[in-house]
Amino acid sequence: MDVVALGESMVTFLPSRPGRLADVPSFDRAIGGAESNTACVLAAAGHSARWVGRVGADGFGEHLLERIAAYGVDVSSVDRDPVRPTGVYFRTAGDRGTGAHEVAYYRAGSAASAMSAENVDLTAVRAGRVLHLSGITAALSAGCRDLLHELTAPRPGRPLLSFDVNHRPGLWRDSGGPLVLLELARRADVVFVGEDEAAEAWGITGGPEAIREALPEPAVLVVKEGAKGATAFEDVAQADADGTPPAVFEPALSVDVVATTGAGDAFAAGFLSGTLRNLPLRARLRYGHLFAAAALTTPGDLATPPSRDHADRLTALDDTAWGRLRLAPGWTQAERATEEANTP
């Protein structure tokens, strides 16, 4: 496998119209989960991907497996729990950045929260070039936390370890979450963290350089700076080897935003896609922005990324042309429609 992602996936209920959860009359069913989202986007981008997790032996669990597999993701190592249910959550149509946004999680005691090193197929988890994890899993239970400590432990032949901090204060039952996340990040090879997350979790407010100072261990650190862009730090030896500076900033694209849900997972998928292809650091950042733009212009958690040829063409633009790009809903399909129209 190119990538194996481990974590919780849930059935998502999206409102049929804007309004408070108390007022919305009906919902459409979808799927959501940081790690499975990343696996689905990578599979849609042409990489081999596996998702490992646990779901209930119920209809929602079956729905998750069918939908994730439909993206081309291998789900053969997902365990079905005969007792615990599949987690679900409901959210409003409003943007997460507004005070009106509501999310109602029903994940306590879920099958995924019972993941541990004893009931997860560790051989299947480690059988990839990249292993992608997130801090959400560590917050679900003590067993999940121990599992992540096991998977991030240094060992011969360990896959390239990708870790998205994904700080979710509401999930942690004690005040120790930030320290757990910091420890896990320090044991990873590639780390994704938002500038706002670093401030909230660790009190780091000095920008990307200050975050790198606090996290010198990862070979690659990606600091997401919201609508401004993202900065990636590479260790000095690797930077010298590929001729890039140890820190690269790449501005985000202008996007007509439909919904922000899933954009961070898509960004990680784009960056990892570029990593798997051994692209330069700047190109990996641009891939992250392009994949995030696909999610931002789609209402659900998941969006089909641009084709590889399309993404490569946009990634190769000079800085001026890149800065002039403005992407609207349907932009990833527009390129395909043009190519089909030109095909005899």
Protein backbone atom coordinates (compact mmCIF):
# COMPACT_ATOMS: atom_id res chain seq x y z
CA MET A 1 0.00 0.00 0.00
CA ASP A 2 1.08 3.57 -0.62
CA VAL A 3 -0.78 4.79 2.46
CA VAL A 4 -2.47 3.19 5.45
CA ALA A 5 -4.69 5.41 7.60
CA LEU A 6 -5.98 4.39 11.01
CA GLY A 7 -8.76 6.12 12.92
CA GLU A 8 -12.48 6.53 13.54
CA SER A 9 -14.96 7.05 10.74
CA MET A 10 -18.56 8.02 11.44
CA VAL A 11 -21.80 8.41 9.58
CA THR A 12 -22.48 12.12 9.07
CA PHE A 13 -25.93 13.64 8.84
CA LEU A 14 -25.99 16.85 6.79
CA PRO A 15 -29.00 19.18 7.11
CA SER A 16 -31.41 19.54 4.22
CA ARG A 17 -31.49 23.32 4.77
CA PRO A 18 -29.79 25.99 6.95
CA GLY A 19 -30.97 26.48 10.49
CA ARG A 20 -30.56 25.24 14.04
CA LEU A 21 -30.44 21.51 14.65
CA ALA A 22 -33.66 21.98 16.59
CA ASP A 23 -35.37 23.33 13.47
CA VAL A 24 -33.93 21.27 10.60
CA PRO A 25 -36.60 18.73 9.53
CA SER A 26 -34.42 16.22 7.69
CA PHE A 27 -30.84 15.23 7.00
CA ASP A 28 -28.86 13.58 4.21
CA ARG A 29 -26.49 10.78 5.11
CA ALA A 30 -22.77 10.95 4.32
CA ILE A 31 -19.51 9.71 5.81
CA GLY A 32 -16.86 11.53 7.80
CA GLY A 33 -13.63 10.84 9.63
CA ALA A 34 -10.27 12.59 9.36
CA GLU A 35 -8.18 9.53 8.55
CA SER A 36 -10.66 7.78 6.27
CA ASN A 37 -11.23 11.10 4.46
CA THR A 38 -7.51 11.34 3.74
CA ALA A 39 -7.43 7.71 2.55
CA CYS A 40 -10.41 8.27 0.25
CA VAL A 41 -8.90 11.37 -1.35
CA LEU A 42 -5.56 9.62 -1.88
CA ALA A 43 -7.31 6.65 -3.48
CA ALA A 44 -9.28 9.00 -5.74
CA ALA A 45 -5.95 10.56 -6.70
CA GLY A 46 -4.63 7.21 -7.92
CA HIS A 47 -2.73 5.93 -4.89
CA SER A 48 -3.27 2.58 -3.19
CA ALA A 49 -4.80 3.25 0.22
CA ARG A 50 -6.07 1.24 3.16
CA TRP A 51 -8.25 2.38 6.04
CA VAL A 52 -8.07 0.48 9.33
CA GLY A 53 -10.60 1.04 12.10
CA ARG A 54 -13.53 -0.50 13.92
CA VAL A 55 -17.25 -0.15 13.20
CA GLY A 56 -20.33 -1.69 14.72
CA ALA A 57 -22.04 -4.77 13.32
CA ASP A 58 -24.90 -2.51 12.29
CA GLY A 59 -26.30 -0.83 9.20
CA PHE A 60 -24.28 2.33 9.74
CA GLY A 61 -21.06 0.32 9.90
CA GLU A 62 -21.99 -1.47 6.70
CA HIS A 63 -22.73 1.87 5.05
CA LEU A 64 -19.30 3.22 6.03
CA LEU A 65 -17.48 0.19 4.66
CA GLU A 66 -19.40 0.32 1.37
CA ARG A 67 -18.90 4.05 0.86
CA ILE A 68 -15.20 4.08 1.76
CA ALA A 69 -14.54 1.02 -0.40
CA ALA A 70 -16.31 2.76 -3.29
CA TYR A 71 -13.47 5.29 -3.37
CA GLY A 72 -11.04 2.43 -3.99
CA VAL A 73 -9.86 2.15 -0.39
CA ASP A 74 -9.02 -1.28 1.02
CA VAL A 75 -11.23 -1.93 4.08
CA SER A 76 -10.43 -5.62 4.54
CA SER A 77 -8.74 -4.99 7.90
CA VAL A 78 -11.64 -3.11 9.48
CA ASP A 79 -13.07 -4.98 12.47
CA ARG A 80 -16.83 -5.30 13.11
CA ASP A 81 -17.69 -4.98 16.81
CA PRO A 82 -20.71 -7.16 17.73
CA VAL A 83 -21.56 -5.07 20.82
CA ARG A 84 -20.53 -1.44 20.35
CA PRO A 85 -22.24 0.80 17.76
CA THR A 86 -20.87 2.83 14.88
CA GLY A 87 -20.46 6.49 15.79
CA VAL A 88 -22.66 9.12 14.14
CA TYR A 89 -22.86 12.89 14.21
CA PHE A 90 -25.14 15.69 13.04
CA ARG A 91 -24.09 19.19 12.01
CA THR A 92 -25.70 22.37 10.80
CA ALA A 93 -25.18 23.79 7.32
CA GLY A 94 -23.37 26.88 8.63
CA ASP A 95 -19.62 27.29 8.38
CA ARG A 96 -17.63 25.99 11.34
CA GLY A 97 -16.10 29.42 11.74
CA THR A 98 -19.41 31.02 12.78
CA GLY A 99 -21.00 31.04 16.19
CA ALA A 100 -24.18 29.54 14.75
CA HIS A 101 -22.48 26.29 13.76
CA GLU A 102 -23.61 23.26 15.75
CA VAL A 103 -22.26 19.72 15.86
CA ALA A 104 -23.84 16.90 17.85
CA TYR A 105 -21.62 13.82 18.27
CA TYR A 106 -22.91 10.39 19.26
CA ARG A 107 -19.62 8.54 19.53
CA ALA A 108 -19.21 7.73 23.25
CA GLY A 109 -18.78 3.98 23.63
CA SER A 110 -18.45 3.50 19.87
CA ALA A 111 -16.71 0.56 18.27
CA ALA A 112 -13.86 2.84 17.20
CA SER A 113 -13.28 4.07 20.76
CA ALA A 114 -12.46 0.47 21.72
CA MET A 115 -9.50 0.24 19.33
CA SER A 116 -6.34 -1.09 20.98
CA ALA A 117 -3.08 -2.77 20.12
CA GLU A 118 -4.76 -6.08 20.99
CA ASN A 119 -7.73 -5.89 18.59
CA VAL A 120 -6.21 -4.05 15.61
CA ASP A 121 -4.25 -5.87 12.90
CA LEU A 122 -0.88 -4.18 13.41
CA THR A 123 0.67 -6.01 10.48
CA ALA A 124 -1.94 -4.54 8.13
CA VAL A 125 -1.50 -1.10 9.71
CA ARG A 126 2.26 -1.11 9.14
CA ALA A 127 2.10 -2.50 5.58
CA GLY A 128 2.37 0.80 3.75
CA ARG A 129 4.94 3.32 2.59
CA VAL A 130 3.16 5.92 4.74
CA LEU A 131 1.15 5.46 7.93
CA HIS A 132 -1.24 8.36 8.54
CA LEU A 133 -2.61 9.06 12.02
CA SER A 134 -4.29 11.96 13.80
CA GLY A 135 -4.69 13.32 17.30
CA ILE A 136 -8.42 12.64 17.23
CA THR A 137 -7.77 8.92 17.77
CA ALA A 138 -5.67 9.57 20.86
CA ALA A 139 -8.57 11.46 22.44
CA LEU A 140 -11.13 8.66 22.06
CA SER A 141 -9.97 6.40 24.91
CA ALA A 142 -6.95 5.21 26.89
CA GLY A 143 -6.75 2.13 24.65
CA CYS A 144 -6.66 4.31 21.52
CA ARG A 145 -3.97 6.47 23.09
CA ASP A 146 -1.85 3.41 23.89
CA LEU A 147 -2.35 2.19 20.32
CA LEU A 148 -0.96 5.43 18.91
CA HIS A 149 2.01 5.26 21.28
CA GLU A 150 2.70 1.75 19.99
CA LEU A 151 2.45 2.80 16.35
CA THR A 152 4.64 5.89 16.78
CA ALA A 153 7.38 4.07 18.70
CA PRO A 154 10.73 4.02 16.85
CA ARG A 155 11.35 0.61 15.30
CA PRO A 156 13.31 -0.80 12.33
CA GLY A 157 11.32 -0.70 9.11
CA ARG A 158 8.66 1.68 10.43
CA PRO A 159 6.69 3.33 7.62
CA LEU A 160 7.01 7.06 7.07
CA LEU A 161 4.80 8.31 9.89
CA SER A 162 2.39 11.13 9.08
CA PHE A 163 0.57 12.82 11.98
CA ASP A 164 -2.16 15.45 11.76
CA VAL A 165 -2.43 17.11 15.19
CA ASN A 166 -6.21 17.72 14.82
CA HIS A 167 -6.61 19.24 18.27
CA ARG A 168 -10.24 18.79 19.38
CA PRO A 169 -10.55 20.15 22.95
CA GLY A 170 -14.11 18.86 23.33
CA LEU A 171 -12.97 15.26 22.93
CA TRP A 172 -10.43 15.26 25.76
CA ARG A 173 -11.74 14.29 29.17
CA ASP A 174 -8.78 15.73 31.03
CA SER A 175 -6.25 18.53 30.63
CA GLY A 176 -3.46 16.26 29.42
CA GLY A 177 -4.47 16.28 25.73
CA PRO A 178 -2.04 18.96 24.53
CA LEU A 179 0.95 17.17 26.05
CA VAL A 180 -0.12 13.85 24.49
CA LEU A 181 -0.41 15.52 21.09
CA LEU A 182 2.99 17.17 21.46
CA GLU A 183 4.63 13.85 22.35
CA LEU A 184 3.02 12.07 19.39
CA ALA A 185 4.00 14.86 17.00
CA ARG A 186 7.61 14.69 18.14
CA ARG A 187 7.70 10.97 17.25
CA ALA A 188 6.36 11.46 13.71
CA ASP A 189 8.20 12.07 10.43
CA VAL A 190 5.66 14.41 8.80
CA VAL A 191 3.46 16.62 10.99
CA PHE A 192 0.51 18.84 10.04
CA VAL A 193 -0.61 21.51 12.52
CA GLY A 194 -2.64 24.68 12.22
CA GLU A 195 -1.19 27.92 13.54
CA ASP A 196 -4.41 28.35 15.53
CA GLU A 197 -4.14 24.80 16.91
CA ALA A 198 -0.60 25.42 18.15
CA ALA A 199 -1.78 28.56 19.94
CA GLU A 200 -4.79 26.86 21.52
CA ALA A 201 -3.08 23.61 22.51
CA TRP A 202 0.44 24.71 23.35
CA GLY A 203 0.24 28.49 23.77
CA ILE A 204 2.65 29.07 20.87
CA THR A 205 1.84 32.42 19.26
CA GLY A 206 5.07 33.38 17.49
CA GLY A 207 4.15 32.06 14.04
CA PRO A 208 5.49 29.09 12.07
CA GLU A 209 9.11 29.61 13.16
CA ALA A 210 8.14 29.45 16.83
CA ILE A 211 6.19 26.23 16.19
CA ARG A 212 9.20 24.72 14.45
CA GLU A 213 11.35 25.67 17.41
CA ALA A 214 8.99 23.76 19.68
CA LEU A 215 8.83 20.82 17.22
CA PRO A 216 12.34 20.31 15.83
CA GLU A 217 12.13 16.52 15.68
CA PRO A 218 9.88 15.81 12.63
CA ALA A 219 11.76 15.64 9.33
CA VAL A 220 8.93 17.69 7.79
CA LEU A 221 6.66 20.09 9.66
CA VAL A 222 3.73 21.74 7.85
CA VAL A 223 2.18 24.75 9.56
CA LYS A 224 -1.20 25.69 8.10
CA GLU A 225 -1.87 29.42 8.30
CA GLY A 226 -5.52 29.47 7.27
CA ALA A 227 -6.46 31.57 4.25
CA LYS A 228 -2.95 33.00 4.17
CA GLY A 229 -1.23 29.77 3.13
CA ALA A 230 1.12 27.19 4.66
CA THR A 231 4.78 26.95 5.61
CA ALA A 232 6.71 23.69 5.41
CA PHE A 233 9.96 23.07 7.24
CA GLU A 234 12.35 20.36 6.11
CA ASP A 235 15.36 19.17 8.08
CA VAL A 236 18.57 20.80 6.98
CA ALA A 237 20.13 17.62 5.58
CA GLN A 238 17.14 16.87 3.36
CA ALA A 239 16.86 20.49 2.29
CA ASP A 240 20.50 20.45 1.16
CA ALA A 241 19.94 17.15 -0.66
CA ASP A 242 17.05 18.37 -2.83
CA GLY A 243 18.25 21.96 -3.19
CA THR A 244 15.33 23.62 -1.40
CA PRO A 245 15.59 25.98 1.57
CA PRO A 246 14.75 24.47 4.97
CA ALA A 247 11.51 26.53 5.09
CA VAL A 248 9.10 27.18 2.22
CA PHE A 249 5.93 29.30 2.31
CA GLU A 250 3.23 28.83 -0.32
CA PRO A 251 0.17 31.11 -0.42
CA ALA A 252 -3.29 29.59 -0.41
CA LEU A 253 -5.56 29.87 -3.42
CA SER A 254 -8.54 32.19 -3.81
CA VAL A 255 -11.56 29.92 -3.44
CA ASP A 256 -15.33 30.43 -3.52
CA VAL A 257 -15.93 28.52 -0.30
CA VAL A 258 -18.99 26.29 0.00
CA ALA A 259 -18.00 24.52 3.25
CA THR A 260 -14.76 24.14 5.19
CA THR A 261 -15.41 20.60 6.46
CA GLY A 262 -12.78 18.13 5.29
CA ALA A 263 -10.40 20.75 3.87
CA GLY A 264 -7.64 19.92 6.36
CA ASP A 265 -7.89 16.20 5.57
CA ALA A 266 -7.76 16.98 1.84
CA PHE A 267 -4.72 19.22 2.34
CA ALA A 268 -2.91 16.37 4.11
CA ALA A 269 -3.85 14.02 1.26
CA GLY A 270 -2.51 16.42 -1.34
CA PHE A 271 0.76 16.93 0.51
CA LEU A 272 1.19 13.19 1.01
CA SER A 273 0.40 12.56 -2.66
CA GLY A 274 3.26 14.86 -3.57
CA THR A 275 5.47 13.18 -0.97
CA LEU A 276 4.77 9.74 -2.44
CA ARG A 277 5.80 11.10 -5.84
CA ASN A 278 8.99 12.65 -4.42
CA LEU A 279 7.94 16.13 -5.56
CA PRO A 280 9.80 19.20 -4.26
CA LEU A 281 8.56 20.77 -1.05
CA ARG A 282 6.90 23.73 -2.80
CA ALA A 283 5.03 21.40 -5.16
CA ARG A 284 3.83 19.30 -2.22
CA LEU A 285 2.41 22.43 -0.59
CA ARG A 286 0.67 23.43 -3.82
CA TYR A 287 -0.80 19.94 -4.10
CA GLY A 288 -2.12 20.38 -0.57
CA HIS A 289 -3.74 23.70 -1.47
CA LEU A 290 -5.31 22.27 -4.64
CA PHE A 291 -6.79 19.25 -2.85
CA ALA A 292 -8.05 21.52 -0.06
CA ALA A 293 -9.64 23.79 -2.69
CA ALA A 294 -11.56 20.79 -4.04
CA ALA A 295 -12.98 20.16 -0.54
CA LEU A 296 -13.72 23.84 0.08
CA THR A 297 -15.85 24.05 -3.05
CA THR A 298 -17.94 20.99 -2.11
CA PRO A 299 -20.68 20.83 0.58
CA GLY A 300 -19.75 17.44 2.10
CA ASP A 301 -16.66 16.13 3.89
CA LEU A 302 -15.27 14.49 0.76
CA ALA A 303 -14.51 15.83 -2.71
CA THR A 304 -12.88 14.29 -5.76
CA PRO A 305 -9.47 15.93 -6.22
CA PRO A 306 -8.28 17.31 -9.55
CA SER A 307 -6.79 14.80 -11.96
CA ARG A 308 -3.04 14.34 -11.69
CA ASP A 309 -2.40 16.03 -15.05
CA HIS A 310 -4.61 18.97 -14.08
CA ALA A 311 -2.92 19.33 -10.68
CA ASP A 312 0.54 19.07 -12.24
CA ARG A 313 -0.28 21.85 -14.72
CA LEU A 314 -1.54 24.16 -11.99
CA THR A 315 1.35 23.31 -9.68
CA ALA A 316 3.83 24.28 -12.43
CA LEU A 317 2.40 27.82 -12.79
CA ASP A 318 4.69 30.72 -11.97
CA ASP A 319 3.99 32.68 -8.77
CA THR A 320 2.04 35.40 -10.58
CA ALA A 321 -0.27 32.98 -12.38
CA TRP A 322 -0.74 30.94 -9.19
CA GLY A 323 -1.73 34.08 -7.33
CA ARG A 324 -4.33 34.94 -9.99
CA LEU A 325 -6.13 31.59 -9.75
CA ARG A 326 -9.66 31.69 -8.37
CA LEU A 327 -11.44 28.38 -8.01
CA ALA A 328 -15.22 28.02 -7.90
CA PRO A 329 -17.50 25.00 -7.32
CA GLY A 330 -17.10 22.45 -10.10
CA TRP A 331 -13.56 23.50 -11.02
CA THR A 332 -12.17 19.97 -10.80
CA GLN A 333 -14.85 18.64 -13.17
CA ALA A 334 -14.54 21.55 -15.62
CA GLU A 335 -11.10 20.39 -16.71
CA ARG A 336 -12.36 16.86 -17.29
CA ALA A 337 -15.35 18.15 -19.27
CA THR A 338 -13.02 20.18 -21.51
CA GLU A 339 -10.79 17.18 -22.14
CA GLU A 340 -13.79 14.96 -22.97
CA ALA A 341 -15.18 17.56 -25.37
CA ASN A 342 -11.87 17.65 -27.20
CA THR A 343 -11.68 13.87 -27.52
CA PRO A 344 -12.68 12.62 -31.02
